[in-house]
Amino acid sequence: MSKGYWIIRADITDFEKFKEYASKTPAVIEKFGGKFLARAGTYEVVEGHSRTRNSIIEFPSYDSALACWNSAEYQHTKTYRIGGAELDVVIVEGV
């Protein structure tokens, strides 16, 4: 079974509000076997456009990546970032 990945690009609009979300998210991701491969580190845009923060989260499978996103736990945690960040999130299946 192929791994699954969340590819996240974010612009933080309210850092205090976003900190609450960021402190709660790792526990939910770990529950579904996810782990951060990249988390808002140094980056360089070499083509196209980006946001100010970029993260990649790996899951044991595409299904577990989707299950985490759709879970009641994550949907609740996600409410902490409303008004604190604008995100682009893509869930992709690995090769």
C-alpha atoms as a PDB file:
ATOM      1  CA  MET A   1       0.000   0.000   0.000  1.00  0.00           C
ATOM      2  CA  SER A   2       1.340   3.441  -0.950  1.00  0.00           C
ATOM      3  CA  LYS A   3       2.021   6.076   1.669  1.00  0.00           C
ATOM      4  CA  GLY A   4      -0.084   9.212   1.823  1.00  0.00           C
ATOM      5  CA  TYR A   5       1.082  12.781   2.244  1.00  0.00           C
ATOM      6  CA  TRP A   6      -0.413  16.078   3.290  1.00  0.00           C
ATOM      7  CA  ILE A   7       1.246  18.925   1.415  1.00  0.00           C
ATOM      8  CA  ILE A   8       0.457  22.164   3.205  1.00  0.00           C
ATOM      9  CA  ARG A   9       1.181  25.759   2.268  1.00  0.00           C
ATOM     10  CA  ALA A  10       0.161  28.394   4.801  1.00  0.00           C
ATOM     11  CA  ASP A  11       0.079  32.110   5.459  1.00  0.00           C
ATOM     12  CA  ILE A  12      -0.380  32.903   9.130  1.00  0.00           C
ATOM     13  CA  THR A  13      -2.645  35.870   9.742  1.00  0.00           C
ATOM     14  CA  ASP A  14      -2.899  35.667  13.554  1.00  0.00           C
ATOM     15  CA  PHE A  15       0.101  33.985  15.164  1.00  0.00           C
ATOM     16  CA  GLU A  16      -1.465  33.670  18.633  1.00  0.00           C
ATOM     17  CA  LYS A  17      -4.509  31.891  17.239  1.00  0.00           C
ATOM     18  CA  PHE A  18      -2.332  29.676  15.020  1.00  0.00           C
ATOM     19  CA  LYS A  19      -0.111  28.654  17.978  1.00  0.00           C
ATOM     20  CA  GLU A  20      -3.136  27.023  19.633  1.00  0.00           C
ATOM     21  CA  TYR A  21      -3.812  24.997  16.485  1.00  0.00           C
ATOM     22  CA  ALA A  22      -0.140  24.091  16.058  1.00  0.00           C
ATOM     23  CA  SER A  23       0.083  22.801  19.631  1.00  0.00           C
ATOM     24  CA  LYS A  24      -2.915  20.471  19.201  1.00  0.00           C
ATOM     25  CA  THR A  25      -2.324  19.120  15.694  1.00  0.00           C
ATOM     26  CA  PRO A  26       0.682  16.787  16.257  1.00  0.00           C
ATOM     27  CA  ALA A  27      -1.239  14.483  18.641  1.00  0.00           C
ATOM     28  CA  VAL A  28      -4.013  13.990  16.094  1.00  0.00           C
ATOM     29  CA  ILE A  29      -1.560  13.356  13.280  1.00  0.00           C
ATOM     30  CA  GLU A  30       0.380  10.820  15.379  1.00  0.00           C
ATOM     31  CA  LYS A  31      -2.854   8.985  16.200  1.00  0.00           C
ATOM     32  CA  PHE A  32      -3.164   8.194  12.478  1.00  0.00           C
ATOM     33  CA  GLY A  33       0.489   7.219  12.117  1.00  0.00           C
ATOM     34  CA  GLY A  34       1.540  10.527  10.597  1.00  0.00           C
ATOM     35  CA  LYS A  35       4.897  12.218  10.978  1.00  0.00           C
ATOM     36  CA  PHE A  36       6.220  15.584   9.862  1.00  0.00           C
ATOM     37  CA  LEU A  37       8.851  15.403   7.127  1.00  0.00           C
ATOM     38  CA  ALA A  38       9.061  19.169   6.708  1.00  0.00           C
ATOM     39  CA  ARG A  39       7.585  21.748   9.024  1.00  0.00           C
ATOM     40  CA  ALA A  40       7.876  25.428   8.154  1.00  0.00           C
ATOM     41  CA  GLY A  41      11.644  25.319   7.625  1.00  0.00           C
ATOM     42  CA  THR A  42      13.829  27.299   5.291  1.00  0.00           C
ATOM     43  CA  TYR A  43      12.676  27.237   1.686  1.00  0.00           C
ATOM     44  CA  GLU A  44      13.280  28.920  -1.632  1.00  0.00           C
ATOM     45  CA  VAL A  45      10.682  29.413  -4.324  1.00  0.00           C
ATOM     46  CA  VAL A  46      12.406  28.360  -7.546  1.00  0.00           C
ATOM     47  CA  GLU A  47       9.338  28.571  -9.762  1.00  0.00           C
ATOM     48  CA  GLY A  48       5.769  29.734  -9.332  1.00  0.00           C
ATOM     49  CA  HIS A  49       4.229  31.041  -6.109  1.00  0.00           C
ATOM     50  CA  SER A  50       4.316  29.976  -2.487  1.00  0.00           C
ATOM     51  CA  ARG A  51       2.971  30.877   0.894  1.00  0.00           C
ATOM     52  CA  THR A  52       5.133  31.801   3.881  1.00  0.00           C
ATOM     53  CA  ARG A  53       5.129  28.345   5.538  1.00  0.00           C
ATOM     54  CA  ASN A  54       5.296  24.904   3.951  1.00  0.00           C
ATOM     55  CA  SER A  55       4.917  21.472   5.549  1.00  0.00           C
ATOM     56  CA  ILE A  56       4.825  17.848   4.436  1.00  0.00           C
ATOM     57  CA  ILE A  57       3.285  15.140   6.605  1.00  0.00           C
ATOM     58  CA  GLU A  58       3.734  11.459   5.768  1.00  0.00           C
ATOM     59  CA  PHE A  59       1.151   8.808   6.662  1.00  0.00           C
ATOM     60  CA  PRO A  60       1.433   5.013   6.436  1.00  0.00           C
ATOM     61  CA  SER A  61      -1.151   5.026   3.614  1.00  0.00           C
ATOM     62  CA  TYR A  62      -3.238   7.324   1.472  1.00  0.00           C
ATOM     63  CA  ASP A  63      -6.319   6.019   3.306  1.00  0.00           C
ATOM     64  CA  SER A  64      -4.848   6.951   6.705  1.00  0.00           C
ATOM     65  CA  ALA A  65      -4.007  10.443   5.410  1.00  0.00           C
ATOM     66  CA  LEU A  66      -7.623  10.910   4.323  1.00  0.00           C
ATOM     67  CA  ALA A  67      -8.950   9.336   7.527  1.00  0.00           C
ATOM     68  CA  CYS A  68      -6.939  11.776   9.635  1.00  0.00           C
ATOM     69  CA  TRP A  69      -8.208  14.776   7.656  1.00  0.00           C
ATOM     70  CA  ASN A  70     -11.812  13.609   7.877  1.00  0.00           C
ATOM     71  CA  SER A  71     -11.633  12.531  11.530  1.00  0.00           C
ATOM     72  CA  ALA A  72     -13.711  14.250  14.170  1.00  0.00           C
ATOM     73  CA  GLU A  73     -10.492  14.940  16.110  1.00  0.00           C
ATOM     74  CA  TYR A  74      -8.834  16.833  13.255  1.00  0.00           C
ATOM     75  CA  GLN A  75     -11.997  18.652  12.228  1.00  0.00           C
ATOM     76  CA  HIS A  76     -12.288  19.907  15.823  1.00  0.00           C
ATOM     77  CA  THR A  77      -8.597  20.854  15.993  1.00  0.00           C
ATOM     78  CA  LYS A  78      -8.895  22.675  12.666  1.00  0.00           C
ATOM     79  CA  THR A  79     -11.372  25.117  14.214  1.00  0.00           C
ATOM     80  CA  TYR A  80      -8.512  26.613  16.277  1.00  0.00           C
ATOM     81  CA  ARG A  81      -6.857  27.997  13.147  1.00  0.00           C
ATOM     82  CA  ILE A  82      -9.966  29.628  11.650  1.00  0.00           C
ATOM     83  CA  GLY A  83      -9.112  33.301  11.385  1.00  0.00           C
ATOM     84  CA  GLY A  84      -5.480  32.517  12.183  1.00  0.00           C
ATOM     85  CA  ALA A  85      -4.197  31.165   8.879  1.00  0.00           C
ATOM     86  CA  GLU A  86      -5.015  30.620   5.243  1.00  0.00           C
ATOM     87  CA  LEU A  87      -3.987  27.182   3.964  1.00  0.00           C
ATOM     88  CA  ASP A  88      -3.728  25.229   0.758  1.00  0.00           C
ATOM     89  CA  VAL A  89      -3.774  21.494   1.565  1.00  0.00           C
ATOM     90  CA  VAL A  90      -3.410  18.656  -0.918  1.00  0.00           C
ATOM     91  CA  ILE A  91      -3.512  14.994   0.090  1.00  0.00           C
ATOM     92  CA  VAL A  92      -1.546  12.833  -2.336  1.00  0.00           C
ATOM     93  CA  GLU A  93      -0.783   9.154  -2.715  1.00  0.00           C
ATOM     94  CA  GLY A  94       2.895   8.209  -2.760  1.00  0.00           C
ATOM     95  CA  VAL A  95       4.552   6.143  -5.461  1.00  0.00           C
END
